[in-house]
Amino acid sequence: MTIPQLTTEQLEAARAAATEARRRRADLKSKVRTGTLTLSQALDVAADDDVLAHVKVVDLLKALPRVGEKRASVVMTRLDIAPNRRIRGLGRHQVAGLKAEFSDR
């Protein structure tokens, strides 16, 4: 399979879309970090949004106050969530487990 040759306009549009997607994902994590959104709210928002559904679960957990690499890893292991899993790939029991674990935040 060959890679299609894109025009300059198509490349620019793809770059702009990728930049906007990165900004939206960073904004979601920032809102979780500052407490504007709870983890439960962030999971609900991401479930309905194709761009936000690509946020890695570990990155979203590390955005929570007082949750670092170690705690995020422990929680994900306990809930049987793979380290490279994205929000879109979570099962309903995993989502419920995350919401229960961090319900006070």
N, C-alpha and C. Protein backbone atom coordinates (compact mmCIF):
# COMPACT_ATOMS: atom_id res chain seq x y z
N MET A 1 0.84 -1.17 0.00
CA MET A 1 0.00 0.00 0.00
C MET A 1 0.89 1.24 0.00
N THR A 2 0.64 2.13 -0.89
CA THR A 2 1.43 3.35 -0.99
C THR A 2 0.77 4.47 -0.20
N ILE A 3 1.60 5.36 0.27
CA ILE A 3 1.11 6.51 1.00
C ILE A 3 0.60 7.54 -0.01
N PRO A 4 -0.62 8.03 0.17
CA PRO A 4 -1.15 9.00 -0.80
C PRO A 4 -0.39 10.32 -0.69
N GLN A 5 -0.20 10.95 -1.81
CA GLN A 5 0.42 12.26 -1.85
C GLN A 5 -0.65 13.31 -1.58
N LEU A 6 -0.43 14.13 -0.56
CA LEU A 6 -1.40 15.15 -0.20
C LEU A 6 -0.96 16.50 -0.73
N THR A 7 -1.93 17.31 -1.06
CA THR A 7 -1.62 18.67 -1.51
C THR A 7 -1.20 19.50 -0.29
N THR A 8 -0.66 20.64 -0.55
CA THR A 8 -0.23 21.54 0.51
C THR A 8 -1.41 21.92 1.40
N GLU A 9 -2.56 22.17 0.77
CA GLU A 9 -3.75 22.54 1.53
C GLU A 9 -4.21 21.38 2.42
N GLN A 10 -4.15 20.17 1.90
CA GLN A 10 -4.56 19.00 2.68
C GLN A 10 -3.62 18.78 3.87
N LEU A 11 -2.33 18.96 3.63
CA LEU A 11 -1.35 18.83 4.72
C LEU A 11 -1.59 19.87 5.80
N GLU A 12 -1.84 21.09 5.37
CA GLU A 12 -2.09 22.17 6.33
C GLU A 12 -3.36 21.91 7.13
N ALA A 13 -4.39 21.42 6.48
CA ALA A 13 -5.65 21.10 7.17
C ALA A 13 -5.44 19.97 8.17
N ALA A 14 -4.65 18.97 7.80
CA ALA A 14 -4.37 17.85 8.70
C ALA A 14 -3.56 18.32 9.91
N ARG A 15 -2.61 19.19 9.68
CA ARG A 15 -1.81 19.74 10.80
C ARG A 15 -2.69 20.55 11.74
N ALA A 16 -3.57 21.36 11.18
CA ALA A 16 -4.45 22.18 12.01
C ALA A 16 -5.40 21.31 12.82
N ALA A 17 -5.93 20.25 12.21
CA ALA A 17 -6.83 19.34 12.93
C ALA A 17 -6.09 18.63 14.05
N ALA A 18 -4.87 18.20 13.80
CA ALA A 18 -4.08 17.52 14.82
C ALA A 18 -3.74 18.46 15.98
N THR A 19 -3.41 19.69 15.66
CA THR A 19 -3.10 20.67 16.70
C THR A 19 -4.33 20.94 17.55
N GLU A 20 -5.48 21.09 16.93
CA GLU A 20 -6.72 21.34 17.66
C GLU A 20 -7.06 20.15 18.57
N ALA A 21 -6.85 18.94 18.07
CA ALA A 21 -7.13 17.74 18.87
C ALA A 21 -6.21 17.70 20.10
N ARG A 22 -4.93 18.00 19.91
CA ARG A 22 -3.99 18.01 21.05
C ARG A 22 -4.39 19.07 22.07
N ARG A 23 -4.82 20.22 21.59
CA ARG A 23 -5.25 21.30 22.51
C ARG A 23 -6.48 20.89 23.31
N ARG A 24 -7.43 20.25 22.66
CA ARG A 24 -8.64 19.82 23.36
C ARG A 24 -8.34 18.75 24.41
N ARG A 25 -7.44 17.81 24.07
CA ARG A 25 -7.07 16.79 25.05
C ARG A 25 -6.31 17.41 26.22
N ALA A 26 -5.43 18.36 25.95
CA ALA A 26 -4.70 19.05 27.02
C ALA A 26 -5.65 19.86 27.89
N ASP A 27 -6.66 20.46 27.27
CA ASP A 27 -7.65 21.24 28.02
C ASP A 27 -8.45 20.35 28.97
N LEU A 28 -8.82 19.16 28.52
CA LEU A 28 -9.53 18.22 29.39
C LEU A 28 -8.69 17.87 30.60
N LYS A 29 -7.41 17.55 30.38
CA LYS A 29 -6.53 17.19 31.49
C LYS A 29 -6.31 18.38 32.42
N SER A 30 -6.24 19.57 31.85
CA SER A 30 -6.07 20.77 32.66
C SER A 30 -7.28 21.02 33.55
N LYS A 31 -8.47 20.80 33.02
CA LYS A 31 -9.68 20.98 33.82
C LYS A 31 -9.76 19.97 34.95
N VAL A 32 -9.30 18.75 34.70
CA VAL A 32 -9.26 17.74 35.75
C VAL A 32 -8.23 18.14 36.80
N ARG A 33 -7.09 18.63 36.35
CA ARG A 33 -6.00 19.03 37.25
C ARG A 33 -6.42 20.16 38.17
N THR A 34 -7.19 21.12 37.65
CA THR A 34 -7.59 22.28 38.45
C THR A 34 -8.86 22.03 39.25
N GLY A 35 -9.53 20.90 38.99
CA GLY A 35 -10.75 20.60 39.74
C GLY A 35 -12.02 21.13 39.09
N THR A 36 -11.91 21.71 37.92
CA THR A 36 -13.09 22.19 37.21
C THR A 36 -13.99 21.01 36.82
N LEU A 37 -13.36 19.89 36.47
CA LEU A 37 -14.08 18.66 36.15
C LEU A 37 -13.62 17.55 37.10
N THR A 38 -14.55 16.73 37.53
CA THR A 38 -14.16 15.54 38.29
C THR A 38 -13.77 14.45 37.29
N LEU A 39 -13.17 13.39 37.78
CA LEU A 39 -12.81 12.29 36.90
C LEU A 39 -14.06 11.70 36.26
N SER A 40 -15.11 11.57 37.03
CA SER A 40 -16.36 11.02 36.52
C SER A 40 -16.91 11.88 35.39
N GLN A 41 -16.90 13.18 35.57
CA GLN A 41 -17.39 14.09 34.53
C GLN A 41 -16.51 14.01 33.30
N ALA A 42 -15.19 13.93 33.51
CA ALA A 42 -14.26 13.86 32.38
C ALA A 42 -14.48 12.58 31.58
N LEU A 43 -14.72 11.46 32.26
CA LEU A 43 -14.98 10.20 31.57
C LEU A 43 -16.28 10.28 30.77
N ASP A 44 -17.29 10.93 31.33
CA ASP A 44 -18.57 11.07 30.63
C ASP A 44 -18.43 11.96 29.40
N VAL A 45 -17.69 13.06 29.55
CA VAL A 45 -17.47 13.97 28.41
C VAL A 45 -16.70 13.25 27.31
N ALA A 46 -15.66 12.54 27.70
CA ALA A 46 -14.81 11.85 26.72
C ALA A 46 -15.55 10.72 26.01
N ALA A 47 -16.50 10.10 26.69
CA ALA A 47 -17.25 9.00 26.08
C ALA A 47 -18.08 9.49 24.90
N ASP A 48 -18.47 10.76 24.92
CA ASP A 48 -19.31 11.31 23.87
C ASP A 48 -18.53 12.09 22.81
N ASP A 49 -17.21 12.15 22.95
CA ASP A 49 -16.39 12.96 22.06
C ASP A 49 -15.26 12.11 21.46
N ASP A 50 -15.22 12.00 20.15
CA ASP A 50 -14.21 11.17 19.49
C ASP A 50 -12.79 11.63 19.74
N VAL A 51 -12.57 12.93 19.83
CA VAL A 51 -11.22 13.45 20.06
C VAL A 51 -10.77 13.17 21.50
N LEU A 52 -11.64 13.47 22.45
CA LEU A 52 -11.28 13.29 23.86
C LEU A 52 -11.20 11.81 24.26
N ALA A 53 -11.85 10.96 23.51
CA ALA A 53 -11.82 9.52 23.81
C ALA A 53 -10.43 8.93 23.57
N HIS A 54 -9.55 9.67 22.93
CA HIS A 54 -8.20 9.17 22.65
C HIS A 54 -7.19 9.53 23.75
N VAL A 55 -7.66 10.13 24.84
CA VAL A 55 -6.76 10.43 25.96
C VAL A 55 -6.41 9.12 26.65
N LYS A 56 -5.12 8.95 26.96
CA LYS A 56 -4.71 7.75 27.69
C LYS A 56 -5.22 7.83 29.12
N VAL A 57 -5.69 6.70 29.62
CA VAL A 57 -6.26 6.65 30.97
C VAL A 57 -5.21 7.04 32.00
N VAL A 58 -3.99 6.56 31.84
CA VAL A 58 -2.94 6.87 32.81
C VAL A 58 -2.67 8.38 32.85
N ASP A 59 -2.72 9.04 31.71
CA ASP A 59 -2.50 10.49 31.68
C ASP A 59 -3.63 11.24 32.37
N LEU A 60 -4.85 10.76 32.19
CA LEU A 60 -6.00 11.39 32.85
C LEU A 60 -5.90 11.20 34.36
N LEU A 61 -5.51 10.01 34.81
CA LEU A 61 -5.37 9.76 36.24
C LEU A 61 -4.26 10.61 36.84
N LYS A 62 -3.14 10.73 36.13
CA LYS A 62 -2.02 11.54 36.64
C LYS A 62 -2.36 13.02 36.69
N ALA A 63 -3.39 13.44 35.97
CA ALA A 63 -3.83 14.84 36.02
C ALA A 63 -4.57 15.14 37.32
N LEU A 64 -5.06 14.09 38.00
CA LEU A 64 -5.76 14.29 39.27
C LEU A 64 -4.77 14.73 40.35
N PRO A 65 -5.22 15.60 41.26
CA PRO A 65 -4.35 15.99 42.37
C PRO A 65 -3.98 14.78 43.23
N ARG A 66 -2.75 14.71 43.65
CA ARG A 66 -2.20 13.67 44.52
C ARG A 66 -2.23 12.27 43.89
N VAL A 67 -2.27 12.22 42.56
CA VAL A 67 -2.15 10.94 41.87
C VAL A 67 -0.96 11.05 40.92
N GLY A 68 0.01 10.20 41.16
CA GLY A 68 1.20 10.18 40.32
C GLY A 68 1.30 8.88 39.57
N GLU A 69 2.47 8.63 39.05
CA GLU A 69 2.71 7.42 38.26
C GLU A 69 2.43 6.16 39.06
N LYS A 70 2.89 6.13 40.30
CA LYS A 70 2.75 4.93 41.14
C LYS A 70 1.28 4.61 41.44
N ARG A 71 0.55 5.60 41.95
CA ARG A 71 -0.85 5.35 42.31
C ARG A 71 -1.70 5.03 41.09
N ALA A 72 -1.44 5.73 40.00
CA ALA A 72 -2.18 5.46 38.77
C ALA A 72 -1.94 4.03 38.31
N SER A 73 -0.69 3.59 38.40
CA SER A 73 -0.33 2.23 38.01
C SER A 73 -1.01 1.19 38.90
N VAL A 74 -1.03 1.44 40.21
CA VAL A 74 -1.66 0.52 41.15
C VAL A 74 -3.16 0.40 40.87
N VAL A 75 -3.82 1.52 40.68
CA VAL A 75 -5.26 1.52 40.42
C VAL A 75 -5.56 0.82 39.11
N MET A 76 -4.79 1.11 38.08
CA MET A 76 -5.04 0.50 36.78
C MET A 76 -4.80 -1.01 36.83
N THR A 77 -3.80 -1.45 37.57
CA THR A 77 -3.54 -2.88 37.71
C THR A 77 -4.69 -3.55 38.44
N ARG A 78 -5.15 -2.94 39.51
CA ARG A 78 -6.26 -3.50 40.29
C ARG A 78 -7.54 -3.61 39.47
N LEU A 79 -7.77 -2.63 38.59
CA LEU A 79 -8.98 -2.63 37.76
C LEU A 79 -8.78 -3.35 36.42
N ASP A 80 -7.60 -3.95 36.25
CA ASP A 80 -7.28 -4.71 35.05
C ASP A 80 -7.36 -3.84 33.80
N ILE A 81 -6.72 -2.66 33.88
CA ILE A 81 -6.66 -1.74 32.75
C ILE A 81 -5.22 -1.74 32.24
N ALA A 82 -5.03 -2.00 30.97
CA ALA A 82 -3.70 -2.03 30.38
C ALA A 82 -3.06 -0.63 30.44
N PRO A 83 -1.73 -0.57 30.60
CA PRO A 83 -1.05 0.73 30.71
C PRO A 83 -1.22 1.65 29.50
N ASN A 84 -1.44 1.07 28.33
CA ASN A 84 -1.57 1.90 27.13
C ASN A 84 -3.02 2.13 26.72
N ARG A 85 -3.96 1.78 27.58
CA ARG A 85 -5.39 1.88 27.27
C ARG A 85 -5.82 3.34 27.18
N ARG A 86 -6.68 3.61 26.24
CA ARG A 86 -7.27 4.94 26.09
C ARG A 86 -8.71 4.89 26.61
N ILE A 87 -9.28 6.05 26.85
CA ILE A 87 -10.62 6.11 27.44
C ILE A 87 -11.63 5.33 26.59
N ARG A 88 -11.53 5.45 25.29
CA ARG A 88 -12.47 4.77 24.40
C ARG A 88 -12.43 3.25 24.60
N GLY A 89 -11.29 2.70 24.99
CA GLY A 89 -11.14 1.26 25.12
C GLY A 89 -11.54 0.68 26.46
N LEU A 90 -12.06 1.51 27.36
CA LEU A 90 -12.45 1.01 28.67
C LEU A 90 -13.80 0.29 28.60
N GLY A 91 -13.92 -0.76 29.39
CA GLY A 91 -15.19 -1.45 29.52
C GLY A 91 -16.04 -0.76 30.57
N ARG A 92 -17.31 -1.13 30.62
CA ARG A 92 -18.21 -0.44 31.56
C ARG A 92 -17.83 -0.72 33.01
N HIS A 93 -17.30 -1.91 33.30
CA HIS A 93 -16.89 -2.22 34.66
C HIS A 93 -15.63 -1.44 35.05
N GLN A 94 -14.75 -1.24 34.09
CA GLN A 94 -13.54 -0.45 34.34
C GLN A 94 -13.90 1.01 34.60
N VAL A 95 -14.82 1.54 33.81
CA VAL A 95 -15.27 2.93 34.02
C VAL A 95 -15.93 3.06 35.39
N ALA A 96 -16.78 2.10 35.73
CA ALA A 96 -17.45 2.13 37.04
C ALA A 96 -16.42 2.03 38.16
N GLY A 97 -15.40 1.21 37.99
CA GLY A 97 -14.35 1.08 38.99
C GLY A 97 -13.57 2.36 39.18
N LEU A 98 -13.23 3.03 38.08
CA LEU A 98 -12.52 4.31 38.17
C LEU A 98 -13.38 5.36 38.87
N LYS A 99 -14.65 5.41 38.50
CA LYS A 99 -15.55 6.40 39.12
C LYS A 99 -15.70 6.13 40.62
N ALA A 100 -15.77 4.86 41.01
CA ALA A 100 -15.88 4.52 42.43
C ALA A 100 -14.59 4.85 43.17
N GLU A 101 -13.46 4.57 42.55
CA GLU A 101 -12.15 4.81 43.19
C GLU A 101 -11.92 6.29 43.46
N PHE A 102 -12.34 7.13 42.55
CA PHE A 102 -12.08 8.57 42.66
C PHE A 102 -13.37 9.37 42.80
N SER A 103 -14.38 8.82 43.45
CA SER A 103 -15.67 9.48 43.56
C SER A 103 -15.63 10.74 44.41
N ASP A 104 -14.65 10.84 45.30
CA ASP A 104 -14.57 12.01 46.18
C ASP A 104 -13.86 13.18 45.52
N ARG A 105 -13.43 13.04 44.27
CA ARG A 105 -12.65 14.11 43.62
C ARG A 105 -13.46 14.76 42.54
